Amino acid sequence: MPVEKWNAKWGHPGLTRRTALQAGAIGLLGLGTNHLAPLRAANPAGNLKARSVIYIFLSGGLSQHDSFDPKPLASDTIRGEFHPIETRTPGLQICEHLPLLAQRSHLWSVVRSLTHPSNDHSAGHHIMMTGRSQVPIGFNPSKPQNIDHPSLASIATAVTPSRNNLPPAVVLPDKLVHNSGRVLPGQFGGVMGSKYDPWFIEASAFASDSYGAFPGYEFDHQHRKFKGRASFEMPSLTLPEGFGTKRLDGRLALLSHIDEQRRDWDRHAEAQQFDRHRQAALSLLTDVQVRKAFDMQQAPPEALERYGRNSFGWSLLMARQLVEAGVNLIQVNLGNNESWDTHGNAFANLKNSLLPPMDKSVSALLDDLNESGLLEDTLIVMAGEFGRTPRISHLPQFYKTSGRDHWGAVQSVLFAGGGTKGGVIVGSSDKTGGYPATSPQTPENMAATIYNSLGLPDTTAWFDQTQRPHHIYNGEPISGLL
């Protein structure tokens, strides 16, 4: 399989003999040619200021009424069971079960008017993870395809430079998979090809019948995981899926064979170039600071308590450490199996299992980045695939109590840092929270805000094998945030 070198703005795919030889060396290390991107020497945006984005994805769809856009004056069939509370921002009320975020509203803003046309989970995931309001012709809701639009993480992989030998984009704590076995489309490279899939750090074993942030249990040091049916496991520091830490010594032992063959490779490639790629691979696997970014058991106990000892807390703490380590875009899936899909038992699940751990972990992330000076250059975006219906409904054949259904027409999206303002409300929904009333925003505008925060110019494009440019901006950054 050819190894392509992509240029974010000017270049096009190409293969050199030297690259091919380096690919062979990488293969001996067990990394595989499809993972050359994190080690590539080409720096398509080398003059950019180092910036990062943390995209918090709430799979299932967060209810705007029961989070960032309460409607206390609406009828009881719309406003729900929760009460609004004041925040530090005059005129901004949010749900009573988000008290920590209310205290920190000067650090974040909310767009209450993001809209797209789909109420379907699969299409909604694709739309909100790619920043494209329309799914491609031939879209399959049951599986990812190579005609899908590339995910935001895949675009970051292609057009932002690798820093500190780390992949430009990471998704954690696992892929988004429905309990039916359906892998949700929109998470991958799509038309760009699988070589631009982001690096998935699969660290969480979710239980299909549970909601929310799964707690940690006693840590099993021998097997490097928490005991229990639903847990957050320590990920192995490897690029390919399934490459466990126990095999690391064996892989590194291959270096002796590489050294034996080095004289042969030197005939075809400069030794300095080979050294650089080998060192990059080893750095990613063995560097103490890099490993620290992934190992939650080495985190200070106070940090674990502050973020929360659960999958939400560990995931956002890991994201914060990856920002410091040099990853450009980290997508954090807070909940799998569409955990935020609150058709029924909505208020109990939100109150007990979803909103409190989200409130605690996101607030800790804001504090951490703000106190360390990283928030200015780190954009936080939190959204789901859609919002929820204004009217509360009940499906007694499935649920004991009521909830809300899918609703793409409007949702609330949180933004913080990365050059955006804090304490701002952009747009509004109508009196029932069903449709945008002012300043409607699109997923394309959300994506443009992310690209702008990464420092990417609006001319940025990736090139396919026919050298056709695909410009990444399909909307405008949300002006009210900047």
Protein backbone atom coordinates (compact mmCIF):
# COMPACT_ATOMS: atom_id res chain seq x y z
CA MET A 1 0.00 0.00 0.00
CA PRO A 2 1.52 3.36 -0.98
CA VAL A 3 2.50 5.75 1.75
CA GLU A 4 1.19 9.21 0.95
CA LYS A 5 2.49 12.52 2.19
CA TRP A 6 -0.25 15.12 2.43
CA ASN A 7 0.17 18.87 2.40
CA ALA A 8 -2.51 20.89 4.11
CA LYS A 9 -2.41 23.66 1.56
CA TRP A 10 0.02 23.21 -1.29
CA GLY A 11 1.16 19.64 -1.77
CA HIS A 12 -0.26 16.39 -3.02
CA PRO A 13 0.27 12.68 -2.43
CA GLY A 14 3.66 11.32 -3.34
CA LEU A 15 5.89 8.32 -2.66
CA THR A 16 9.65 8.26 -2.55
CA ARG A 17 12.01 5.32 -2.28
CA ARG A 18 13.27 6.68 1.00
CA THR A 19 9.71 6.91 2.37
CA ALA A 20 9.07 3.33 1.35
CA LEU A 21 12.19 2.17 3.16
CA GLN A 22 11.20 4.11 6.24
CA ALA A 23 7.78 2.50 6.07
CA GLY A 24 9.49 -0.88 6.20
CA ALA A 25 11.39 0.19 9.29
CA ILE A 26 8.21 1.36 10.95
CA GLY A 27 6.60 -1.97 10.10
CA LEU A 28 9.34 -3.84 11.90
CA LEU A 29 8.57 -1.79 14.95
CA GLY A 30 5.02 -3.07 14.75
CA LEU A 31 3.48 0.32 13.99
CA GLY A 32 2.18 -0.30 10.48
CA THR A 33 2.21 2.00 7.46
CA ASN A 34 -1.28 3.28 8.17
CA HIS A 35 0.14 4.91 11.31
CA LEU A 36 2.93 6.85 9.62
CA ALA A 37 0.98 10.10 9.94
CA PRO A 38 1.97 10.74 13.57
CA LEU A 39 5.61 10.23 12.62
CA ARG A 40 5.67 12.09 9.33
CA ALA A 41 8.38 14.64 8.88
CA ALA A 42 6.31 16.94 6.69
CA ASN A 43 4.92 19.87 8.65
CA PRO A 44 2.08 21.37 6.61
CA ALA A 45 1.39 24.11 9.10
CA GLY A 46 4.71 24.49 10.81
CA ASN A 47 4.35 28.23 11.26
CA LEU A 48 1.18 27.90 13.32
CA LYS A 49 1.07 28.72 17.00
CA ALA A 50 0.60 25.56 19.06
CA ARG A 51 -3.11 25.29 19.79
CA SER A 52 -5.41 22.50 20.91
CA VAL A 53 -9.10 21.63 20.87
CA ILE A 54 -11.01 19.33 23.23
CA TYR A 55 -14.29 18.27 21.64
CA ILE A 56 -16.53 16.76 24.29
CA PHE A 57 -19.16 14.64 22.58
CA LEU A 58 -22.33 13.67 24.45
CA SER A 59 -23.54 10.70 22.44
CA GLY A 60 -27.30 10.33 22.56
CA GLY A 61 -28.17 14.02 22.58
CA LEU A 62 -28.19 16.42 25.55
CA SER A 63 -31.57 17.98 26.38
CA GLN A 64 -31.25 21.74 25.99
CA HIS A 65 -34.20 22.31 28.35
CA ASP A 66 -32.56 20.29 31.10
CA SER A 67 -29.08 21.80 30.80
CA PHE A 68 -28.18 25.16 29.24
CA ASP A 69 -31.53 26.53 27.99
CA PRO A 70 -34.20 26.02 30.66
CA LYS A 71 -37.74 27.26 29.97
CA PRO A 72 -39.16 27.98 33.45
CA LEU A 73 -42.16 29.92 32.07
CA ALA A 74 -43.26 27.14 29.73
CA SER A 75 -45.99 24.65 30.60
CA ASP A 76 -45.10 21.67 32.78
CA THR A 77 -45.18 19.40 29.72
CA ILE A 78 -42.25 21.39 28.34
CA ARG A 79 -40.21 22.82 31.21
CA GLY A 80 -39.59 19.45 32.92
CA GLU A 81 -38.83 18.64 36.54
CA PHE A 82 -35.68 20.71 37.02
CA HIS A 83 -35.41 24.30 38.18
CA PRO A 84 -33.07 26.96 36.76
CA ILE A 85 -30.30 28.56 38.79
CA GLU A 86 -28.42 31.82 38.29
CA THR A 87 -24.85 31.83 37.04
CA ARG A 88 -22.07 34.39 37.38
CA THR A 89 -23.21 35.79 34.04
CA PRO A 90 -26.13 38.22 34.37
CA GLY A 91 -29.16 36.94 32.50
CA LEU A 92 -27.81 33.40 32.07
CA GLN A 93 -29.67 30.65 33.88
CA ILE A 94 -28.88 26.95 33.61
CA CYS A 95 -30.10 23.71 35.15
CA GLU A 96 -29.91 23.33 38.92
CA HIS A 97 -27.86 20.16 38.50
CA LEU A 98 -24.96 22.10 36.94
CA PRO A 99 -23.95 24.23 39.97
CA LEU A 100 -20.20 24.04 39.37
CA LEU A 101 -20.49 25.24 35.79
CA ALA A 102 -22.83 28.00 36.99
CA GLN A 103 -20.04 29.27 39.25
CA ARG A 104 -17.64 29.31 36.29
CA SER A 105 -19.83 30.86 33.60
CA HIS A 106 -17.25 33.64 33.13
CA LEU A 107 -14.99 30.98 31.60
CA TRP A 108 -17.45 29.57 29.06
CA SER A 109 -20.19 30.65 26.66
CA VAL A 110 -23.23 28.91 25.23
CA VAL A 111 -24.71 28.87 21.74
CA ARG A 112 -28.41 28.19 22.19
CA SER A 113 -29.31 28.11 18.51
CA LEU A 114 -27.31 25.41 16.73
CA THR A 115 -29.54 23.63 14.24
CA HIS A 116 -29.39 20.82 11.69
CA PRO A 117 -32.01 18.81 9.77
CA SER A 118 -31.80 15.29 11.24
CA ASN A 119 -33.47 13.53 14.17
CA ASP A 120 -31.68 10.25 13.42
CA HIS A 121 -28.88 9.07 15.71
CA SER A 122 -26.53 7.86 12.98
CA ALA A 123 -27.03 10.88 10.73
CA GLY A 124 -26.81 13.20 13.73
CA HIS A 125 -23.51 11.67 14.84
CA HIS A 126 -22.15 12.01 11.31
CA ILE A 127 -23.31 15.63 11.09
CA MET A 128 -21.90 16.76 14.42
CA MET A 129 -18.63 14.82 14.25
CA THR A 130 -17.87 16.01 10.70
CA GLY A 131 -19.30 19.53 10.83
CA ARG A 132 -21.41 18.89 7.72
CA SER A 133 -25.20 19.33 7.87
CA GLN A 134 -25.97 16.95 5.02
CA VAL A 135 -24.96 13.31 4.94
CA PRO A 136 -23.42 12.09 1.65
CA ILE A 137 -25.44 10.33 -1.04
CA GLY A 138 -25.39 6.62 -0.25
CA PHE A 139 -24.97 7.20 3.49
CA ASN A 140 -25.42 4.03 5.51
CA PRO A 141 -26.66 4.61 9.07
CA SER A 142 -25.53 1.16 10.14
CA LYS A 143 -21.83 1.34 9.27
CA PRO A 144 -19.05 3.75 8.33
CA GLN A 145 -18.14 3.94 4.62
CA ASN A 146 -15.42 5.50 2.51
CA ILE A 147 -17.97 7.96 1.08
CA ASP A 148 -18.58 9.53 4.50
CA HIS A 149 -17.38 13.04 5.22
CA PRO A 150 -14.14 12.99 7.23
CA SER A 151 -14.46 13.58 10.94
CA LEU A 152 -13.14 16.76 12.52
CA ALA A 153 -10.46 14.60 14.16
CA SER A 154 -9.44 13.14 10.79
CA ILE A 155 -9.17 16.59 9.25
CA ALA A 156 -7.00 17.68 12.18
CA THR A 157 -4.86 14.60 11.55
CA ALA A 158 -4.36 15.63 7.93
CA VAL A 159 -3.85 19.39 8.18
CA THR A 160 -2.23 20.07 11.55
CA PRO A 161 1.39 19.26 12.39
CA SER A 162 2.40 16.47 14.68
CA ARG A 163 3.98 17.74 17.90
CA ASN A 164 6.32 15.81 20.17
CA ASN A 165 5.94 12.68 18.02
CA LEU A 166 2.28 12.42 19.05
CA PRO A 167 -0.67 11.91 16.71
CA PRO A 168 -2.32 15.22 15.78
CA ALA A 169 -5.75 13.89 16.83
CA VAL A 170 -6.91 11.40 19.45
CA VAL A 171 -10.35 10.03 20.36
CA LEU A 172 -10.99 8.55 23.81
CA PRO A 173 -12.01 6.59 25.84
CA ASP A 174 -13.34 4.42 23.00
CA LYS A 175 -15.17 4.36 19.67
CA LEU A 176 -18.87 5.18 19.62
CA VAL A 177 -20.68 1.87 19.23
CA HIS A 178 -24.35 1.11 19.84
CA ASN A 179 -25.16 -1.96 21.89
CA SER A 180 -26.65 -3.48 18.73
CA GLY A 181 -23.09 -3.61 17.39
CA ARG A 182 -23.60 -0.65 15.08
CA VAL A 183 -20.42 1.43 14.76
CA LEU A 184 -21.60 4.99 14.35
CA PRO A 185 -20.44 6.67 11.13
CA GLY A 186 -18.71 10.04 11.16
CA GLN A 187 -15.82 9.12 13.47
CA PHE A 188 -13.34 8.16 10.77
CA GLY A 189 -11.43 9.36 7.74
CA GLY A 190 -14.26 8.61 5.28
CA VAL A 191 -13.32 9.88 1.82
CA MET A 192 -9.82 10.71 3.06
CA GLY A 193 -9.08 7.04 3.69
CA SER A 194 -8.54 5.02 6.83
CA LYS A 195 -4.92 6.18 7.14
CA TYR A 196 -6.38 9.45 8.41
CA ASP A 197 -8.55 7.85 11.05
CA PRO A 198 -7.72 9.49 14.38
CA TRP A 199 -5.91 7.47 17.00
CA PHE A 200 -8.56 5.76 19.15
CA ILE A 201 -7.46 5.18 22.73
CA GLU A 202 -9.78 2.42 23.85
CA ALA A 203 -9.67 2.61 27.62
CA SER A 204 -13.23 2.14 28.78
CA ALA A 205 -15.31 -1.02 28.96
CA PHE A 206 -18.85 0.30 28.91
CA ALA A 207 -21.85 -1.75 30.00
CA SER A 208 -24.69 -1.63 27.50
CA ASP A 209 -27.47 -1.33 30.06
CA SER A 210 -26.03 1.56 32.05
CA TYR A 211 -26.16 5.33 31.83
CA GLY A 212 -23.55 7.89 32.64
CA ALA A 213 -20.08 7.89 34.11
CA PHE A 214 -19.06 4.43 35.18
CA PRO A 215 -17.26 4.32 38.53
CA GLY A 216 -13.85 2.86 39.04
CA TYR A 217 -13.32 -0.20 41.15
CA GLU A 218 -10.25 -1.64 42.84
CA PHE A 219 -7.27 -1.26 40.52
CA ASP A 220 -5.77 -4.55 39.36
CA HIS A 221 -2.10 -3.70 38.81
CA GLN A 222 -1.27 -7.06 37.27
CA HIS A 223 -3.81 -6.65 34.47
CA ARG A 224 -3.73 -2.84 34.43
CA LYS A 225 -7.44 -2.32 34.77
CA PHE A 226 -10.13 -1.63 37.32
CA LYS A 227 -12.03 -4.67 38.50
CA GLY A 228 -15.71 -4.54 37.70
CA ARG A 229 -18.17 -5.00 34.89
CA ALA A 230 -17.96 -1.40 33.71
CA SER A 231 -14.59 0.19 34.10
CA PHE A 232 -11.95 2.54 32.82
CA GLU A 233 -8.84 0.63 31.81
CA MET A 234 -5.35 1.98 31.42
CA PRO A 235 -4.71 2.17 27.66
CA SER A 236 -1.62 0.61 26.13
CA LEU A 237 0.77 3.11 24.63
CA THR A 238 0.71 1.77 21.12
CA LEU A 239 -0.37 2.99 17.75
CA PRO A 240 -2.02 -0.12 16.28
CA GLU A 241 -5.14 -1.50 17.89
CA GLY A 242 -4.54 -4.57 20.00
CA PHE A 243 -0.83 -4.00 20.59
CA GLY A 244 -0.59 -4.58 24.36
CA THR A 245 2.12 -3.32 26.68
CA LYS A 246 3.28 -6.88 27.35
CA ARG A 247 4.50 -7.05 23.76
CA LEU A 248 6.51 -3.83 24.04
CA ASP A 249 9.73 -5.54 25.08
CA GLY A 250 9.44 -7.96 22.20
CA ARG A 251 8.87 -5.14 19.76
CA LEU A 252 11.83 -3.18 21.06
CA ALA A 253 13.96 -6.32 20.81
CA LEU A 254 13.47 -6.05 17.07
CA LEU A 255 15.66 -2.98 17.16
CA SER A 256 18.68 -5.24 17.26
CA HIS A 257 17.56 -6.76 13.97
CA ILE A 258 16.97 -3.29 12.59
CA ASP A 259 20.51 -2.33 13.57
CA GLU A 260 21.85 -5.41 11.81
CA GLN A 261 20.09 -4.35 8.63
CA ARG A 262 21.00 -0.72 8.96
CA ARG A 263 24.00 -1.01 6.69
CA ASP A 264 21.71 -2.19 3.91
CA TRP A 265 19.25 0.61 4.45
CA ASP A 266 22.04 3.19 4.54
CA ARG A 267 22.73 2.37 0.90
CA HIS A 268 19.30 3.68 0.01
CA ALA A 269 18.46 6.25 2.66
CA GLU A 270 20.34 8.76 4.73
CA ALA A 271 21.15 7.42 8.16
CA GLN A 272 20.09 10.66 9.77
CA GLN A 273 16.63 10.40 8.24
CA PHE A 274 16.24 6.81 9.43
CA ASP A 275 17.38 7.74 12.92
CA ARG A 276 14.76 10.46 13.12
CA HIS A 277 11.88 8.13 12.31
CA ARG A 278 13.13 5.38 14.58
CA GLN A 279 13.59 7.83 17.41
CA ALA A 280 10.10 9.20 16.85
CA ALA A 281 8.58 5.74 17.11
CA LEU A 282 10.54 4.92 20.25
CA SER A 283 9.70 8.26 21.81
CA LEU A 284 6.01 7.65 21.38
CA LEU A 285 6.28 4.22 22.98
CA THR A 286 8.77 4.83 25.77
CA ASP A 287 9.09 8.53 26.60
CA VAL A 288 8.28 9.08 30.27
CA GLN A 289 6.39 12.32 29.72
CA VAL A 290 4.35 10.82 26.91
CA ARG A 291 3.49 7.77 29.01
CA LYS A 292 2.51 10.04 31.88
CA ALA A 293 -0.13 11.68 29.73
CA PHE A 294 -1.95 8.36 29.43
CA ASP A 295 -1.55 6.85 32.88
CA MET A 296 -4.31 7.96 35.21
CA GLN A 297 -2.88 5.92 38.07
CA GLN A 298 0.11 8.27 38.12
CA ALA A 299 -2.12 11.33 38.37
CA PRO A 300 -2.13 13.09 41.75
CA PRO A 301 -4.94 11.80 43.99
CA GLU A 302 -6.28 15.33 44.37
CA ALA A 303 -6.60 15.63 40.58
CA LEU A 304 -8.53 12.35 40.41
CA GLU A 305 -10.86 13.57 43.13
CA ARG A 306 -11.31 16.95 41.48
CA TYR A 307 -12.20 15.48 38.08
CA GLY A 308 -14.15 12.55 39.56
CA ARG A 309 -13.17 8.92 39.89
CA ASN A 310 -15.25 7.75 36.95
CA SER A 311 -15.01 7.47 33.18
CA PHE A 312 -16.01 11.13 32.67
CA GLY A 313 -13.37 12.39 35.08
CA TRP A 314 -10.57 10.14 33.88
CA SER A 315 -11.33 10.91 30.23
CA LEU A 316 -11.18 14.68 30.69
CA LEU A 317 -8.11 14.46 32.92
CA MET A 318 -6.40 12.44 30.20
CA ALA A 319 -7.50 15.02 27.62
CA ARG A 320 -5.95 17.79 29.71
CA GLN A 321 -2.68 15.85 29.94
CA LEU A 322 -2.72 15.21 26.19
CA VAL A 323 -3.09 18.95 25.58
CA GLU A 324 0.03 19.53 27.63
CA ALA A 325 1.81 16.68 25.85
CA GLY A 326 1.10 18.27 22.45
CA VAL A 327 -1.97 16.67 20.84
CA ASN A 328 -3.84 19.14 18.63
CA LEU A 329 -7.40 17.79 18.82
CA ILE A 330 -8.82 15.42 21.41
CA GLN A 331 -12.39 14.17 21.09
CA VAL A 332 -13.72 12.89 24.39
CA ASN A 333 -16.84 10.75 24.25
CA LEU A 334 -18.59 11.29 27.56
CA GLY A 335 -20.80 8.24 27.51
CA ASN A 336 -21.20 5.46 24.97
CA ASN A 337 -24.14 3.43 23.69
CA GLU A 338 -25.89 6.80 23.30
CA SER A 339 -25.90 7.37 27.05
CA TRP A 340 -27.58 10.78 26.72
CA ASP A 341 -30.52 9.33 24.75
CA THR A 342 -33.09 10.08 27.45
CA HIS A 343 -36.36 8.88 25.89
CA GLY A 344 -37.51 7.69 29.28
CA ASN A 345 -36.50 7.85 32.93
CA ALA A 346 -34.89 11.06 31.74
CA PHE A 347 -34.95 13.16 34.87
CA ALA A 348 -33.69 10.44 37.19
CA ASN A 349 -30.87 9.51 34.81
CA LEU A 350 -29.88 13.12 34.21
CA LYS A 351 -30.03 13.99 37.92
CA ASN A 352 -28.23 10.92 39.24
CA SER A 353 -25.92 9.63 36.53
CA LEU A 354 -25.26 12.15 33.78
CA LEU A 355 -25.32 15.82 34.77
CA PRO A 356 -23.35 15.66 38.07
CA PRO A 357 -20.26 13.84 36.69
CA MET A 358 -20.32 16.03 33.58
CA ASP A 359 -20.63 19.18 35.71
CA LYS A 360 -17.75 18.11 37.95
CA SER A 361 -15.33 16.92 35.27
CA VAL A 362 -15.88 19.80 32.84
CA SER A 363 -15.56 22.33 35.67
CA ALA A 364 -12.30 20.70 36.79
CA LEU A 365 -11.02 20.84 33.22
CA LEU A 366 -11.87 24.54 32.97
CA ASP A 367 -10.14 25.28 36.28
CA ASP A 368 -7.10 23.22 35.39
CA LEU A 369 -6.57 24.81 31.98
CA ASN A 370 -7.30 28.30 33.27
CA GLU A 371 -4.92 28.05 36.22
CA SER A 372 -2.14 26.59 34.08
CA GLY A 373 -2.50 29.26 31.41
CA LEU A 374 -3.49 26.70 28.76
CA LEU A 375 -7.12 27.78 28.36
CA GLU A 376 -6.23 30.73 26.15
CA ASP A 377 -4.86 28.36 23.52
CA THR A 378 -7.21 25.43 24.13
CA LEU A 379 -10.76 25.50 22.79
CA ILE A 380 -13.35 23.36 24.56
CA VAL A 381 -16.52 22.48 22.65
CA MET A 382 -19.29 20.34 24.15
CA ALA A 383 -22.17 19.09 22.02
CA GLY A 384 -24.20 16.00 21.16
CA GLU A 385 -25.67 14.77 17.90
CA PHE A 386 -28.88 16.78 18.49
CA GLY A 387 -31.09 18.25 21.19
CA ARG A 388 -34.32 16.86 22.62
CA THR A 389 -37.98 17.53 21.89
CA PRO A 390 -39.70 20.43 23.63
CA ARG A 391 -42.62 18.28 24.70
CA ILE A 392 -42.09 15.57 27.29
CA SER A 393 -43.42 12.16 26.29
CA HIS A 394 -43.79 8.74 27.88
CA LEU A 395 -43.25 5.31 26.36
CA PRO A 396 -44.64 3.07 29.13
CA GLN A 397 -43.86 -0.12 27.24
CA PHE A 398 -40.15 0.71 27.57
CA TYR A 399 -39.71 3.13 30.49
CA LYS A 400 -41.19 3.70 33.92
CA THR A 401 -41.16 7.47 33.60
CA SER A 402 -41.12 10.13 30.90
CA GLY A 403 -38.42 11.69 28.76
CA ARG A 404 -37.77 13.55 25.54
CA ASP A 405 -37.20 12.33 21.99
CA HIS A 406 -34.65 13.24 19.29
CA TRP A 407 -34.63 16.82 18.03
CA GLY A 408 -32.13 18.17 15.49
CA ALA A 409 -33.87 21.53 15.09
CA VAL A 410 -32.02 23.12 18.00
CA GLN A 411 -29.46 22.30 20.66
CA SER A 412 -27.20 24.16 23.07
CA VAL A 413 -23.43 23.96 22.58
CA LEU A 414 -20.84 25.03 25.16
CA PHE A 415 -17.64 26.82 24.10
CA ALA A 416 -14.71 27.86 26.26
CA GLY A 417 -11.15 29.09 25.74
CA GLY A 418 -9.19 28.97 22.52
CA GLY A 419 -9.71 32.65 21.77
CA THR A 420 -13.46 32.65 22.46
CA LYS A 421 -15.13 34.92 24.97
CA GLY A 422 -16.46 33.77 28.30
CA GLY A 423 -19.82 34.67 29.79
CA VAL A 424 -21.57 35.12 26.43
CA ILE A 425 -24.94 33.83 25.18
CA VAL A 426 -25.07 33.45 21.40
CA GLY A 427 -28.49 33.06 19.82
CA SER A 428 -31.70 31.92 21.45
CA SER A 429 -34.38 29.33 21.02
CA ASP A 430 -38.08 30.07 20.88
CA LYS A 431 -40.31 30.05 23.96
CA THR A 432 -40.68 26.25 23.90
CA GLY A 433 -37.01 25.54 23.12
CA GLY A 434 -37.97 23.96 19.80
CA TYR A 435 -36.38 26.14 17.11
CA PRO A 436 -33.80 28.92 16.85
CA ALA A 437 -35.34 32.32 17.48
CA THR A 438 -32.23 34.43 16.88
CA SER A 439 -28.78 33.90 15.35
CA PRO A 440 -29.22 30.34 14.05
CA GLN A 441 -25.90 28.51 13.82
CA THR A 442 -24.90 25.42 11.85
CA PRO A 443 -22.50 22.52 12.38
CA GLU A 444 -20.41 24.11 9.61
CA ASN A 445 -20.03 27.24 11.74
CA MET A 446 -19.11 25.14 14.75
CA ALA A 447 -16.44 23.36 12.69
CA ALA A 448 -15.14 26.68 11.34
CA THR A 449 -14.83 27.93 14.92
CA ILE A 450 -12.74 24.86 15.74
CA TYR A 451 -10.50 25.31 12.68
CA ASN A 452 -10.10 29.02 13.43
CA SER A 453 -9.11 28.26 17.01
CA LEU A 454 -6.49 25.80 15.70
CA GLY A 455 -5.04 28.70 13.72
CA LEU A 456 -5.90 27.24 10.33
CA PRO A 457 -6.47 29.82 7.57
CA ASP A 458 -9.76 29.72 5.67
CA THR A 459 -7.88 28.57 2.55
CA THR A 460 -6.77 25.33 4.20
CA ALA A 461 -7.51 22.22 2.13
CA TRP A 462 -6.55 18.59 1.86
CA PHE A 463 -5.86 17.01 -1.53
CA ASP A 464 -7.12 13.68 -2.79
CA GLN A 465 -5.23 11.30 -5.10
CA THR A 466 -6.42 13.23 -8.17
CA GLN A 467 -4.92 16.39 -6.65
CA ARG A 468 -8.36 17.90 -6.21
CA PRO A 469 -8.48 20.25 -3.22
CA HIS A 470 -11.10 19.80 -0.52
CA HIS A 471 -11.37 23.00 1.48
CA ILE A 472 -12.14 22.35 5.11
CA TYR A 473 -14.10 25.55 5.79
CA ASN A 474 -17.77 25.19 4.89
CA GLY A 475 -19.04 27.91 7.22
CA GLU A 476 -17.94 30.94 9.19
CA PRO A 477 -16.60 31.04 12.76
CA ILE A 478 -19.34 32.01 15.18
CA SER A 479 -18.76 35.75 15.42
CA GLY A 480 -20.47 36.24 18.75
CA LEU A 481 -17.88 34.02 20.41
CA LEU A 482 -14.80 35.77 19.05
